[in-house]
Every structure is written in structure tokens, then in C-alpha cells.
């Protein structure tokens, strides 16, 4: 159920579709969930949301920036988060031209009972 949400002041016209697909694939690998039918199980459930054109400043400047969150049931913690931060900052720099020092990422380890999906919860 991982969810990666990005709010950025980068214009919608500058956000390539490749960012969504690459973030989905790379997070599936990084989160390392088991395979199902030859595909990482995680890819069946991962959600990526980009909110462009936000009115934002970072450090008092309007240069490209982003505030993000990565939520997951498990696989969130000190060692994991450093890997995710490097991966996600790299993707946002590559696709949106945002410098890593202008990106904040909040990580959240969700309890399965607190995540709803398909008329129920994961817990």
C-alpha cells in the first residue's frame, strides 16, 4: 500500500509521465515486497501522486522545490529512509530539476489496520 505524494511548485506541463512510472518501479524494488505472478506484489498496490503548480517557497525562495511523503505498512525506518531519500531526491532532480537540498520527505510507517482498501483494511 505504499503511497508517495509530491507537492511541488514545478508546472504541470513540466512533469513527465515517466516520473510516475519510474517512481512506481523504483519504489517497488526498494521496498522489496515478494513477487506475485512474476511481478513485485508491491507494484499492484503502490500509489504515486504528483501535485504540481503549488504556491510554494523553500528557504524564502520560489525556485523549484518539493514537499513529499512516503507512507508504507512496514519497511520504514532509519536505515530504509536514507535509501528512499537518496532514490526519491534523485528521481525528482532527474525529472523535475529540483535540487535535493530543496526537497523535504516525510516518512510514515502505517499500521495495517489504519489503511483502508477495497471495502476493508489491510489489517
PDB file of N, CA and C in Angstrom:
ATOM      1  N   UNK A   1       0.790  -1.198   0.000  1.00  0.00           N
ATOM      2  CA  UNK A   1       0.000   0.000   0.000  1.00  0.00           C
ATOM      3  C   UNK A   1       0.831   1.260   0.000  1.00  0.00           C
ATOM      4  N   UNK A   2       2.096   1.192  -0.332  1.00  0.00           N
ATOM      5  CA  UNK A   2       2.884   2.422  -0.264  1.00  0.00           C
ATOM      6  C   UNK A   2       2.265   3.548  -1.091  1.00  0.00           C
ATOM      7  N   UNK A   3       2.344   4.748  -0.514  1.00  0.00           N
ATOM      8  CA  UNK A   3       1.869   5.952  -1.190  1.00  0.00           C
ATOM      9  C   UNK A   3       2.994   6.970  -1.187  1.00  0.00           C
ATOM     10  N   UNK A   4       3.333   7.471  -2.359  1.00  0.00           N
ATOM     11  CA  UNK A   4       4.323   8.537  -2.489  1.00  0.00           C
ATOM     12  C   UNK A   4       3.601   9.739  -3.061  1.00  0.00           C
ATOM     13  N   UNK A   5       3.566  10.827  -2.291  1.00  0.00           N
ATOM     14  CA  UNK A   5       2.857  12.040  -2.684  1.00  0.00           C
ATOM     15  C   UNK A   5       3.864  13.188  -2.727  1.00  0.00           C
ATOM     16  N   UNK A   6       3.843  13.919  -3.838  1.00  0.00           N
ATOM     17  CA  UNK A   6       4.747  15.050  -4.041  1.00  0.00           C
ATOM     18  C   UNK A   6       3.925  16.305  -4.295  1.00  0.00           C
ATOM     19  N   UNK A   7       4.171  17.339  -3.520  1.00  0.00           N
ATOM     20  CA  UNK A   7       3.630  18.664  -3.805  1.00  0.00           C
ATOM     21  C   UNK A   7       4.811  19.512  -4.244  1.00  0.00           C
ATOM     22  N   UNK A   8       4.662  20.168  -5.391  1.00  0.00           N
ATOM     23  CA  UNK A   8       5.773  20.934  -5.952  1.00  0.00           C
ATOM     24  C   UNK A   8       5.270  22.193  -6.653  1.00  0.00           C
ATOM     25  N   UNK A   9       6.147  23.180  -6.740  1.00  0.00           N
ATOM     26  CA  UNK A   9       5.824  24.397  -7.477  1.00  0.00           C
ATOM     27  C   UNK A   9       6.202  24.285  -8.953  1.00  0.00           C
ATOM     28  N   UNK A  10       6.700  23.137  -9.377  1.00  0.00           N
ATOM     29  CA  UNK A  10       7.001  22.906 -10.790  1.00  0.00           C
ATOM     30  C   UNK A  10       5.674  22.844 -11.554  1.00  0.00           C
ATOM     31  N   UNK A  11       5.640  23.451 -12.732  1.00  0.00           N
ATOM     32  CA  UNK A  11       4.422  23.500 -13.544  1.00  0.00           C
ATOM     33  C   UNK A  11       4.014  22.108 -14.041  1.00  0.00           C
ATOM     34  N   UNK A  12       2.720  21.895 -14.136  1.00  0.00           N
ATOM     35  CA  UNK A  12       2.188  20.612 -14.611  1.00  0.00           C
ATOM     36  C   UNK A  12       2.759  20.253 -15.977  1.00  0.00           C
ATOM     37  N   UNK A  13       2.920  21.230 -16.820  1.00  0.00           N
ATOM     38  CA  UNK A  13       3.441  20.982 -18.173  1.00  0.00           C
ATOM     39  C   UNK A  13       4.879  20.481 -18.159  1.00  0.00           C
ATOM     40  N   UNK A  14       5.574  20.649 -17.025  1.00  0.00           N
ATOM     41  CA  UNK A  14       6.971  20.222 -16.906  1.00  0.00           C
ATOM     42  C   UNK A  14       7.124  18.869 -16.199  1.00  0.00           C
ATOM     43  N   UNK A  15       6.000  18.237 -15.845  1.00  0.00           N
ATOM     44  CA  UNK A  15       6.038  16.951 -15.138  1.00  0.00           C
ATOM     45  C   UNK A  15       5.844  15.821 -16.151  1.00  0.00           C
ATOM     46  N   UNK A  16       6.900  15.055 -16.425  1.00  0.00           N
ATOM     47  CA  UNK A  16       6.771  13.967 -17.394  1.00  0.00           C
ATOM     48  C   UNK A  16       6.084  12.744 -16.789  1.00  0.00           C
ATOM     49  N   UNK A  17       5.306  12.055 -17.601  1.00  0.00           N
ATOM     50  CA  UNK A  17       4.632  10.829 -17.156  1.00  0.00           C
ATOM     51  C   UNK A  17       5.651   9.792 -16.692  1.00  0.00           C
ATOM     52  N   UNK A  18       6.852   9.856 -17.239  1.00  0.00           N
ATOM     53  CA  UNK A  18       7.905   8.908 -16.867  1.00  0.00           C
ATOM     54  C   UNK A  18       8.236   8.985 -15.379  1.00  0.00           C
ATOM     55  N   UNK A  19       8.023  10.131 -14.758  1.00  0.00           N
ATOM     56  CA  UNK A  19       8.291  10.250 -13.323  1.00  0.00           C
ATOM     57  C   UNK A  19       7.387   9.296 -12.541  1.00  0.00           C
ATOM     58  N   UNK A  20       6.115   9.244 -12.905  1.00  0.00           N
ATOM     59  CA  UNK A  20       5.167   8.378 -12.204  1.00  0.00           C
ATOM     60  C   UNK A  20       5.533   6.908 -12.360  1.00  0.00           C
ATOM     61  N   UNK A  21       5.800   6.493 -13.578  1.00  0.00           N
ATOM     62  CA  UNK A  21       6.115   5.081 -13.804  1.00  0.00           C
ATOM     63  C   UNK A  21       7.455   4.692 -13.197  1.00  0.00           C
ATOM     64  N   UNK A  22       8.464   5.561 -13.321  1.00  0.00           N
ATOM     65  CA  UNK A  22       9.772   5.238 -12.758  1.00  0.00           C
ATOM     66  C   UNK A  22       9.727   5.219 -11.232  1.00  0.00           C
ATOM     67  N   UNK A  23       8.995   6.147 -10.627  1.00  0.00           N
ATOM     68  CA  UNK A  23       8.868   6.156  -9.167  1.00  0.00           C
ATOM     69  C   UNK A  23       8.174   4.881  -8.693  1.00  0.00           C
ATOM     70  N   UNK A  24       7.146   4.454  -9.407  1.00  0.00           N
ATOM     71  CA  UNK A  24       6.439   3.223  -9.048  1.00  0.00           C
ATOM     72  C   UNK A  24       7.378   2.024  -9.107  1.00  0.00           C
ATOM     73  N   UNK A  25       8.101   1.892 -10.205  1.00  0.00           N
ATOM     74  CA  UNK A  25       9.003   0.749 -10.379  1.00  0.00           C
ATOM     75  C   UNK A  25      10.143   0.764  -9.367  1.00  0.00           C
ATOM     76  N   UNK A  26      10.767   1.918  -9.170  1.00  0.00           N
ATOM     77  CA  UNK A  26      11.915   2.001  -8.274  1.00  0.00           C
ATOM     78  C   UNK A  26      11.518   1.816  -6.810  1.00  0.00           C
ATOM     79  N   UNK A  27      10.358   2.338  -6.427  1.00  0.00           N
ATOM     80  CA  UNK A  27       9.899   2.121  -5.059  1.00  0.00           C
ATOM     81  C   UNK A  27       9.548   0.660  -4.831  1.00  0.00           C
ATOM     82  N   UNK A  28       8.980   0.005  -5.835  1.00  0.00           N
ATOM     83  CA  UNK A  28       8.669  -1.421  -5.706  1.00  0.00           C
ATOM     84  C   UNK A  28       9.939  -2.213  -5.424  1.00  0.00           C
ATOM     85  N   UNK A  29      11.005  -1.891  -6.142  1.00  0.00           N
ATOM     86  CA  UNK A  29      12.286  -2.569  -5.922  1.00  0.00           C
ATOM     87  C   UNK A  29      12.842  -2.236  -4.536  1.00  0.00           C
ATOM     88  N   UNK A  30      12.834  -0.960  -4.189  1.00  0.00           N
ATOM     89  CA  UNK A  30      13.430  -0.518  -2.929  1.00  0.00           C
ATOM     90  C   UNK A  30      12.682  -1.074  -1.718  1.00  0.00           C
ATOM     91  N   UNK A  31      11.362  -1.170  -1.816  1.00  0.00           N
ATOM     92  CA  UNK A  31      10.569  -1.676  -0.700  1.00  0.00           C
ATOM     93  C   UNK A  31      10.628  -3.196  -0.604  1.00  0.00           C
ATOM     94  N   UNK A  32      11.070  -3.845  -1.701  1.00  0.00           N
ATOM     95  CA  UNK A  32      11.375  -5.269  -1.679  1.00  0.00           C
ATOM     96  C   UNK A  32      10.276  -6.199  -1.241  1.00  0.00           C
ATOM     97  N   UNK A  33       9.076  -5.977  -1.674  1.00  0.00           N
ATOM     98  CA  UNK A  33       7.987  -6.886  -1.334  1.00  0.00           C
ATOM     99  C   UNK A  33       8.086  -8.141  -2.203  1.00  0.00           C
ATOM    100  N   UNK A  34       7.486  -9.247  -1.764  1.00  0.00           N
ATOM    101  CA  UNK A  34       7.583 -10.504  -2.529  1.00  0.00           C
ATOM    102  C   UNK A  34       6.890 -10.422  -3.887  1.00  0.00           C
ATOM    103  N   UNK A  35       7.327 -11.277  -4.794  1.00  0.00           N
ATOM    104  CA  UNK A  35       6.758 -11.324  -6.141  1.00  0.00           C
ATOM    105  C   UNK A  35       5.439 -12.088  -6.159  1.00  0.00           C
ATOM    106  N   UNK A  36       4.611 -11.751  -7.140  1.00  0.00           N
ATOM    107  CA  UNK A  36       3.379 -12.484  -7.406  1.00  0.00           C
ATOM    108  C   UNK A  36       3.206 -12.531  -8.914  1.00  0.00           C
ATOM    109  N   UNK A  37       3.099 -13.695  -9.464  1.00  0.00           N
ATOM    110  CA  UNK A  37       2.923 -13.881 -10.917  1.00  0.00           C
ATOM    111  C   UNK A  37       4.026 -13.187 -11.713  1.00  0.00           C
ATOM    112  N   UNK A  38       5.243 -13.203 -11.183  1.00  0.00           N
ATOM    113  CA  UNK A  38       6.368 -12.618 -11.895  1.00  0.00           C
ATOM    114  C   UNK A  38       6.519 -11.118 -11.709  1.00  0.00           C
ATOM    115  N   UNK A  39       5.615 -10.486 -10.957  1.00  0.00           N
ATOM    116  CA  UNK A  39       5.680  -9.044 -10.721  1.00  0.00           C
ATOM    117  C   UNK A  39       5.829  -8.797  -9.227  1.00  0.00           C
ATOM    118  N   UNK A  40       6.562  -7.750  -8.869  1.00  0.00           N
ATOM    119  CA  UNK A  40       6.625  -7.441  -7.443  1.00  0.00           C
ATOM    120  C   UNK A  40       5.207  -7.141  -6.937  1.00  0.00           C
ATOM    121  N   UNK A  41       4.817  -7.793  -5.856  1.00  0.00           N
ATOM    122  CA  UNK A  41       3.472  -7.601  -5.285  1.00  0.00           C
ATOM    123  C   UNK A  41       3.189  -6.124  -5.028  1.00  0.00           C
ATOM    124  N   UNK A  42       4.195  -5.426  -4.558  1.00  0.00           N
ATOM    125  CA  UNK A  42       4.033  -4.031  -4.200  1.00  0.00           C
ATOM    126  C   UNK A  42       3.529  -3.187  -5.365  1.00  0.00           C
ATOM    127  N   UNK A  43       3.931  -3.519  -6.580  1.00  0.00           N
ATOM    128  CA  UNK A  43       3.537  -2.709  -7.731  1.00  0.00           C
ATOM    129  C   UNK A  43       2.024  -2.764  -7.952  1.00  0.00           C
ATOM    130  N   UNK A  44       1.392  -3.821  -7.439  1.00  0.00           N
ATOM    131  CA  UNK A  44      -0.062  -3.942  -7.559  1.00  0.00           C
ATOM    132  C   UNK A  44      -0.776  -2.911  -6.697  1.00  0.00           C
ATOM    133  N   UNK A  45      -0.120  -2.430  -5.650  1.00  0.00           N
ATOM    134  CA  UNK A  45      -0.779  -1.557  -4.678  1.00  0.00           C
ATOM    135  C   UNK A  45      -0.181  -0.163  -4.559  1.00  0.00           C
ATOM    136  N   UNK A  46       0.994   0.075  -5.100  1.00  0.00           N
ATOM    137  CA  UNK A  46       1.675   1.356  -4.888  1.00  0.00           C
ATOM    138  C   UNK A  46       0.938   2.498  -5.593  1.00  0.00           C
ATOM    139  N   UNK A  47       0.877   3.630  -4.915  1.00  0.00           N
ATOM    140  CA  UNK A  47       0.237   4.819  -5.481  1.00  0.00           C
ATOM    141  C   UNK A  47       1.246   5.965  -5.487  1.00  0.00           C
ATOM    142  N   UNK A  48       1.320   6.666  -6.613  1.00  0.00           N
ATOM    143  CA  UNK A  48       2.188   7.835  -6.748  1.00  0.00           C
ATOM    144  C   UNK A  48       1.304   9.002  -7.175  1.00  0.00           C
ATOM    145  N   UNK A  49       1.405  10.099  -6.468  1.00  0.00           N
ATOM    146  CA  UNK A  49       0.580  11.274  -6.757  1.00  0.00           C
ATOM    147  C   UNK A  49       1.480  12.504  -6.811  1.00  0.00           C
ATOM    148  N   UNK A  50       1.417  13.231  -7.917  1.00  0.00           N
ATOM    149  CA  UNK A  50       2.186  14.468  -8.074  1.00  0.00           C
ATOM    150  C   UNK A  50       1.198  15.633  -8.099  1.00  0.00           C
ATOM    151  N   UNK A  51       1.377  16.566  -7.192  1.00  0.00           N
ATOM    152  CA  UNK A  51       0.550  17.779  -7.143  1.00  0.00           C
ATOM    153  C   UNK A  51       1.407  18.948  -7.623  1.00  0.00           C
ATOM    154  N   UNK A  52       1.357  19.265  -8.938  1.00  0.00           N
ATOM    155  CA  UNK A  52       2.174  20.354  -9.472  1.00  0.00           C
ATOM    156  C   UNK A  52       1.505  21.713  -9.274  1.00  0.00           C
ATOM    157  N   UNK A  53       2.200  22.758  -9.705  1.00  0.00           N
ATOM    158  CA  UNK A  53       1.652  24.120  -9.710  1.00  0.00           C
ATOM    159  C   UNK A  53       1.242  24.621  -8.331  1.00  0.00           C
ATOM    160  N   UNK A  54       1.910  24.147  -7.285  1.00  0.00           N
ATOM    161  CA  UNK A  54       1.579  24.594  -5.932  1.00  0.00           C
ATOM    162  C   UNK A  54       2.255  25.926  -5.643  1.00  0.00           C
ATOM    163  N   UNK A  55       1.584  26.757  -4.867  1.00  0.00           N
ATOM    164  CA  UNK A  55       2.190  28.012  -4.424  1.00  0.00           C
ATOM    165  C   UNK A  55       3.102  27.660  -3.261  1.00  0.00           C
ATOM    166  N   UNK A  56       4.414  27.627  -3.510  1.00  0.00           N
ATOM    167  CA  UNK A  56       5.369  27.180  -2.506  1.00  0.00           C
ATOM    168  C   UNK A  56       6.623  28.024  -2.513  1.00  0.00           C
ATOM    169  N   UNK A  57       7.216  28.109  -1.338  1.00  0.00           N
ATOM    170  CA  UNK A  57       8.553  28.676  -1.188  1.00  0.00           C
ATOM    171  C   UNK A  57       9.324  27.721  -0.303  1.00  0.00           C
ATOM    172  N   UNK A  58      10.625  27.678  -0.494  1.00  0.00           N
ATOM    173  CA  UNK A  58      11.507  26.846   0.330  1.00  0.00           C
ATOM    174  C   UNK A  58      12.705  27.716   0.666  1.00  0.00           C
ATOM    175  N   UNK A  59      12.936  27.948   1.931  1.00  0.00           N
ATOM    176  CA  UNK A  59      14.040  28.810   2.334  1.00  0.00           C
ATOM    177  C   UNK A  59      13.886  30.240   1.857  1.00  0.00           C
ATOM    178  N   UNK A  60      12.637  30.691   1.708  1.00  0.00           N
ATOM    179  CA  UNK A  60      12.382  32.069   1.299  1.00  0.00           C
ATOM    180  C   UNK A  60      12.517  32.331  -0.184  1.00  0.00           C
ATOM    181  N   UNK A  61      12.723  31.258  -0.979  1.00  0.00           N
ATOM    182  CA  UNK A  61      12.870  31.417  -2.428  1.00  0.00           C
ATOM    183  C   UNK A  61      11.829  30.584  -3.168  1.00  0.00           C
ATOM    184  N   UNK A  62      11.418  31.075  -4.325  1.00  0.00           N
ATOM    185  CA  UNK A  62      10.421  30.396  -5.148  1.00  0.00           C
ATOM    186  C   UNK A  62      10.999  29.462  -6.188  1.00  0.00           C
ATOM    187  N   UNK A  63      12.299  29.152  -6.093  1.00  0.00           N
ATOM    188  CA  UNK A  63      12.910  28.201  -7.030  1.00  0.00           C
ATOM    189  C   UNK A  63      12.230  26.842  -6.889  1.00  0.00           C
ATOM    190  N   UNK A  64      12.383  25.958  -7.891  1.00  0.00           N
ATOM    191  CA  UNK A  64      11.745  24.637  -7.807  1.00  0.00           C
ATOM    192  C   UNK A  64      12.046  23.937  -6.480  1.00  0.00           C
ATOM    193  N   UNK A  65      10.970  23.415  -5.869  1.00  0.00           N
ATOM    194  CA  UNK A  65      11.089  22.728  -4.589  1.00  0.00           C
ATOM    195  C   UNK A  65       9.973  21.695  -4.473  1.00  0.00           C
ATOM    196  N   UNK A  66      10.067  20.851  -3.457  1.00  0.00           N
ATOM    197  CA  UNK A  66       9.043  19.831  -3.249  1.00  0.00           C
ATOM    198  C   UNK A  66       8.958  19.457  -1.773  1.00  0.00           C
ATOM    199  N   UNK A  67       7.740  19.155  -1.356  1.00  0.00           N
ATOM    200  CA  UNK A  67       7.464  18.586  -0.046  1.00  0.00           C
ATOM    201  C   UNK A  67       6.737  17.280  -0.322  1.00  0.00           C
ATOM    202  N   UNK A  68       7.270  16.173   0.226  1.00  0.00           N
ATOM    203  CA  UNK A  68       6.781  14.843  -0.131  1.00  0.00           C
ATOM    204  C   UNK A  68       6.479  14.015   1.104  1.00  0.00           C
ATOM    205  N   UNK A  69       5.729  12.938   0.872  1.00  0.00           N
ATOM    206  CA  UNK A  69       5.547  11.943   1.920  1.00  0.00           C
ATOM    207  C   UNK A  69       5.583  10.562   1.287  1.00  0.00           C
ATOM    208  N   UNK A  70       6.195   9.634   2.016  1.00  0.00           N
ATOM    209  CA  UNK A  70       6.200   8.227   1.638  1.00  0.00           C
ATOM    210  C   UNK A  70       5.631   7.464   2.813  1.00  0.00           C
ATOM    211  N   UNK A  71       4.479   6.844   2.590  1.00  0.00           N
ATOM    212  CA  UNK A  71       3.798   6.061   3.609  1.00  0.00           C
ATOM    213  C   UNK A  71       3.832   4.602   3.187  1.00  0.00           C
ATOM    214  N   UNK A  72       4.044   3.707   4.151  1.00  0.00           N
ATOM    215  CA  UNK A  72       4.048   2.277   3.849  1.00  0.00           C
ATOM    216  C   UNK A  72       3.699   1.497   5.102  1.00  0.00           C
ATOM    217  N   UNK A  73       3.163   0.302   4.904  1.00  0.00           N
ATOM    218  CA  UNK A  73       2.965  -0.633   6.005  1.00  0.00           C
ATOM    219  C   UNK A  73       4.277  -1.401   6.118  1.00  0.00           C
ATOM    220  N   UNK A  74       5.097  -1.024   7.074  1.00  0.00           N
ATOM    221  CA  UNK A  74       6.402  -1.648   7.240  1.00  0.00           C
ATOM    222  C   UNK A  74       7.435  -1.078   6.283  1.00  0.00           C
ATOM    223  N   UNK A  75       8.669  -1.524   6.443  1.00  0.00           N
ATOM    224  CA  UNK A  75       9.801  -1.112   5.610  1.00  0.00           C
ATOM    225  C   UNK A  75      10.062   0.386   5.688  1.00  0.00           C
ATOM    226  N   UNK A  76       9.722   0.992   6.817  1.00  0.00           N
ATOM    227  CA  UNK A  76      10.019   2.399   7.082  1.00  0.00           C
ATOM    228  C   UNK A  76      10.849   2.439   8.360  1.00  0.00           C
ATOM    229  N   UNK A  77      11.952   3.136   8.321  1.00  0.00           N
ATOM    230  CA  UNK A  77      12.822   3.239   9.484  1.00  0.00           C
ATOM    231  C   UNK A  77      14.119   3.898   9.093  1.00  0.00           C
ATOM    232  N   UNK A  78      14.962   4.150  10.043  1.00  0.00           N
ATOM    233  CA  UNK A  78      16.182   4.912   9.851  1.00  0.00           C
ATOM    234  C   UNK A  78      17.021   4.444   8.664  1.00  0.00           C
ATOM    235  N   UNK A  79      17.368   3.167   8.634  1.00  0.00           N
ATOM    236  CA  UNK A  79      18.213   2.670   7.545  1.00  0.00           C
ATOM    237  C   UNK A  79      17.496   2.702   6.208  1.00  0.00           C
ATOM    238  N   UNK A  80      16.232   2.288   6.185  1.00  0.00           N
ATOM    239  CA  UNK A  80      15.456   2.301   4.942  1.00  0.00           C
ATOM    240  C   UNK A  80      15.295   3.727   4.413  1.00  0.00           C
ATOM    241  N   UNK A  81      14.954   4.657   5.298  1.00  0.00           N
ATOM    242  CA  UNK A  81      14.614   6.015   4.882  1.00  0.00           C
ATOM    243  C   UNK A  81      15.767   6.731   4.199  1.00  0.00           C
ATOM    244  N   UNK A  82      16.992   6.451   4.609  1.00  0.00           N
ATOM    245  CA  UNK A  82      18.147   7.056   3.945  1.00  0.00           C
ATOM    246  C   UNK A  82      18.233   6.596   2.496  1.00  0.00           C
ATOM    247  N   UNK A  83      17.956   5.317   2.267  1.00  0.00           N
ATOM    248  CA  UNK A  83      17.951   4.769   0.905  1.00  0.00           C
ATOM    249  C   UNK A  83      16.828   5.399   0.085  1.00  0.00           C
ATOM    250  N   UNK A  84      15.628   5.486   0.669  1.00  0.00           N
ATOM    251  CA  UNK A  84      14.493   6.079  -0.042  1.00  0.00           C
ATOM    252  C   UNK A  84      14.743   7.552  -0.352  1.00  0.00           C
ATOM    253  N   UNK A  85      15.333   8.271   0.608  1.00  0.00           N
ATOM    254  CA  UNK A  85      15.603   9.691   0.399  1.00  0.00           C
ATOM    255  C   UNK A  85      16.529   9.894  -0.797  1.00  0.00           C
ATOM    256  N   UNK A  86      17.584   9.108  -0.867  1.00  0.00           N
ATOM    257  CA  UNK A  86      18.518   9.207  -1.994  1.00  0.00           C
ATOM    258  C   UNK A  86      17.809   8.882  -3.312  1.00  0.00           C
ATOM    259  N   UNK A  87      17.024   7.820  -3.317  1.00  0.00           N
ATOM    260  CA  UNK A  87      16.293   7.411  -4.517  1.00  0.00           C
ATOM    261  C   UNK A  87      15.308   8.491  -4.969  1.00  0.00           C
ATOM    262  N   UNK A  88      14.482   8.957  -4.043  1.00  0.00           N
ATOM    263  CA  UNK A  88      13.417   9.898  -4.406  1.00  0.00           C
ATOM    264  C   UNK A  88      13.955  11.282  -4.746  1.00  0.00           C
ATOM    265  N   UNK A  89      14.958  11.748  -4.021  1.00  0.00           N
ATOM    266  CA  UNK A  89      15.577  13.034  -4.378  1.00  0.00           C
ATOM    267  C   UNK A  89      16.204  12.938  -5.765  1.00  0.00           C
ATOM    268  N   UNK A  90      16.825  11.800  -6.066  1.00  0.00           N
ATOM    269  CA  UNK A  90      17.411  11.592  -7.383  1.00  0.00           C
ATOM    270  C   UNK A  90      16.366  11.632  -8.492  1.00  0.00           C
ATOM    271  N   UNK A  91      15.215  10.995  -8.254  1.00  0.00           N
ATOM    272  CA  UNK A  91      14.152  10.997  -9.265  1.00  0.00           C
ATOM    273  C   UNK A  91      13.583  12.398  -9.482  1.00  0.00           C
ATOM    274  N   UNK A  92      13.372  13.123  -8.399  1.00  0.00           N
ATOM    275  CA  UNK A  92      12.821  14.480  -8.527  1.00  0.00           C
ATOM    276  C   UNK A  92      13.817  15.430  -9.174  1.00  0.00           C
ATOM    277  N   UNK A  93      15.091  15.221  -8.916  1.00  0.00           N
ATOM    278  CA  UNK A  93      16.113  16.026  -9.577  1.00  0.00           C
ATOM    279  C   UNK A  93      16.165  15.698 -11.069  1.00  0.00           C
ATOM    280  N   UNK A  94      16.162  14.420 -11.389  1.00  0.00           N
ATOM    281  CA  UNK A  94      16.244  13.965 -12.780  1.00  0.00           C
ATOM    282  C   UNK A  94      15.047  14.432 -13.613  1.00  0.00           C
ATOM    283  N   UNK A  95      13.849  14.257 -13.089  1.00  0.00           N
ATOM    284  CA  UNK A  95      12.643  14.527 -13.875  1.00  0.00           C
ATOM    285  C   UNK A  95      12.102  15.950 -13.748  1.00  0.00           C
ATOM    286  N   UNK A  96      12.346  16.591 -12.593  1.00  0.00           N
ATOM    287  CA  UNK A  96      11.769  17.924 -12.381  1.00  0.00           C
ATOM    288  C   UNK A  96      12.818  19.012 -12.213  1.00  0.00           C
ATOM    289  N   UNK A  97      14.084  18.624 -12.135  1.00  0.00           N
ATOM    290  CA  UNK A  97      15.148  19.610 -11.973  1.00  0.00           C
ATOM    291  C   UNK A  97      15.196  20.230 -10.587  1.00  0.00           C
ATOM    292  N   UNK A  98      14.646  19.537  -9.592  1.00  0.00           N
ATOM    293  CA  UNK A  98      14.655  20.063  -8.230  1.00  0.00           C
ATOM    294  C   UNK A  98      15.930  19.593  -7.531  1.00  0.00           C
ATOM    295  N   UNK A  99      16.652  20.542  -6.991  1.00  0.00           N
ATOM    296  CA  UNK A  99      17.881  20.226  -6.262  1.00  0.00           C
ATOM    297  C   UNK A  99      17.519  19.485  -4.969  1.00  0.00           C
ATOM    298  N   UNK A 100      18.261  18.424  -4.624  1.00  0.00           N
ATOM    299  CA  UNK A 100      17.945  17.657  -3.414  1.00  0.00           C
ATOM    300  C   UNK A 100      17.879  18.482  -2.129  1.00  0.00           C
ATOM    301  N   UNK A 101      18.623  19.576  -2.055  1.00  0.00           N
ATOM    302  CA  UNK A 101      18.556  20.384  -0.837  1.00  0.00           C
ATOM    303  C   UNK A 101      17.295  21.252  -0.776  1.00  0.00           C
ATOM    304  N   UNK A 102      16.447  21.138  -1.792  1.00  0.00           N
ATOM    305  CA  UNK A 102      15.159  21.854  -1.809  1.00  0.00           C
ATOM    306  C   UNK A 102      13.988  20.874  -1.773  1.00  0.00           C
ATOM    307  N   UNK A 103      14.234  19.707  -1.175  1.00  0.00           N
ATOM    308  CA  UNK A 103      13.219  18.656  -1.072  1.00  0.00           C
ATOM    309  C   UNK A 103      13.127  18.182   0.376  1.00  0.00           C
ATOM    310  N   UNK A 104      11.915  18.158   0.915  1.00  0.00           N
ATOM    311  CA  UNK A 104      11.650  17.518   2.207  1.00  0.00           C
ATOM    312  C   UNK A 104      10.818  16.274   1.936  1.00  0.00           C
ATOM    313  N   UNK A 105      11.122  15.197   2.651  1.00  0.00           N
ATOM    314  CA  UNK A 105      10.337  13.967   2.555  1.00  0.00           C
ATOM    315  C   UNK A 105       9.985  13.517   3.963  1.00  0.00           C
ATOM    316  N   UNK A 106       8.707  13.331   4.224  1.00  0.00           N
ATOM    317  CA  UNK A 106       8.240  12.772   5.488  1.00  0.00           C
ATOM    318  C   UNK A 106       7.959  11.289   5.272  1.00  0.00           C
ATOM    319  N   UNK A 107       8.415  10.457   6.200  1.00  0.00           N
ATOM    320  CA  UNK A 107       8.208   9.016   6.115  1.00  0.00           C
ATOM    321  C   UNK A 107       7.228   8.590   7.192  1.00  0.00           C
ATOM    322  N   UNK A 108       6.305   7.722   6.820  1.00  0.00           N
ATOM    323  CA  UNK A 108       5.330   7.241   7.789  1.00  0.00           C
ATOM    324  C   UNK A 108       5.145   5.738   7.699  1.00  0.00           C
ATOM    325  N   UNK A 109       5.304   5.072   8.844  1.00  0.00           N
ATOM    326  CA  UNK A 109       5.068   3.631   8.934  1.00  0.00           C
ATOM    327  C   UNK A 109       3.627   3.459   9.397  1.00  0.00           C
ATOM    328  N   UNK A 110       2.780   2.995   8.514  1.00  0.00           N
ATOM    329  CA  UNK A 110       1.353   2.877   8.780  1.00  0.00           C
ATOM    330  C   UNK A 110       1.020   1.526   9.407  1.00  0.00           C
ATOM    331  N   UNK A 111       0.122   1.544  10.361  1.00  0.00           N
ATOM    332  CA  UNK A 111      -0.418   0.309  10.914  1.00  0.00           C
ATOM    333  C   UNK A 111      -1.426  -0.238   9.908  1.00  0.00           C
ATOM    334  N   UNK A 112      -1.341  -1.534   9.605  1.00  0.00           N
ATOM    335  CA  UNK A 112      -2.204  -2.139   8.583  1.00  0.00           C
ATOM    336  C   UNK A 112      -3.685  -1.904   8.858  1.00  0.00           C
ATOM    337  N   UNK A 113      -4.077  -1.870  10.102  1.00  0.00           N
ATOM    338  CA  UNK A 113      -5.487  -1.652  10.449  1.00  0.00           C
ATOM    339  C   UNK A 113      -5.941  -0.224  10.175  1.00  0.00           C
ATOM    340  N   UNK A 114      -4.990   0.687   9.962  1.00  0.00           N
ATOM    341  CA  UNK A 114      -5.319   2.093   9.713  1.00  0.00           C
ATOM    342  C   UNK A 114      -5.255   2.467   8.243  1.00  0.00           C
ATOM    343  N   UNK A 115      -5.185   1.464   7.359  1.00  0.00           N
ATOM    344  CA  UNK A 115      -5.147   1.730   5.917  1.00  0.00           C
ATOM    345  C   UNK A 115      -6.303   0.984   5.262  1.00  0.00           C
ATOM    346  N   UNK A 116      -7.227   1.749   4.686  1.00  0.00           N
ATOM    347  CA  UNK A 116      -8.384   1.152   4.030  1.00  0.00           C
ATOM    348  C   UNK A 116      -8.149   0.909   2.557  1.00  0.00           C
ATOM    349  N   UNK A 117      -8.765  -0.158   2.051  1.00  0.00           N
ATOM    350  CA  UNK A 117      -8.690  -0.509   0.623  1.00  0.00           C
ATOM    351  C   UNK A 117      -9.740  -1.564   0.316  1.00  0.00           C
ATOM    352  N   UNK A 118     -10.419  -1.420  -0.789  1.00  0.00           N
ATOM    353  CA  UNK A 118     -11.345  -2.429  -1.292  1.00  0.00           C
ATOM    354  C   UNK A 118     -12.380  -2.844  -0.243  1.00  0.00           C
ATOM    355  N   UNK A 119     -13.030  -1.872   0.359  1.00  0.00           N
ATOM    356  CA  UNK A 119     -14.106  -2.086   1.340  1.00  0.00           C
ATOM    357  C   UNK A 119     -13.660  -2.661   2.677  1.00  0.00           C
ATOM    358  N   UNK A 120     -12.361  -2.653   2.950  1.00  0.00           N
ATOM    359  CA  UNK A 120     -11.855  -3.191   4.213  1.00  0.00           C
ATOM    360  C   UNK A 120     -10.559  -2.487   4.558  1.00  0.00           C
ATOM    361  N   UNK A 121      -9.741  -3.078   5.389  1.00  0.00           N
ATOM    362  CA  UNK A 121      -8.415  -2.558   5.691  1.00  0.00           C
ATOM    363  C   UNK A 121      -7.394  -3.655   5.444  1.00  0.00           C
ATOM    364  N   UNK A 122      -6.124  -3.285   5.494  1.00  0.00           N
ATOM    365  CA  UNK A 122      -5.069  -4.280   5.307  1.00  0.00           C
ATOM    366  C   UNK A 122      -4.813  -5.070   6.597  1.00  0.00           C
ATOM    367  N   UNK A 123      -5.380  -4.635   7.726  1.00  0.00           N
ATOM    368  CA  UNK A 123      -5.128  -5.291   8.997  1.00  0.00           C
ATOM    369  C   UNK A 123      -6.233  -6.210   9.439  1.00  0.00           C
TER     370      UNK A 123
END
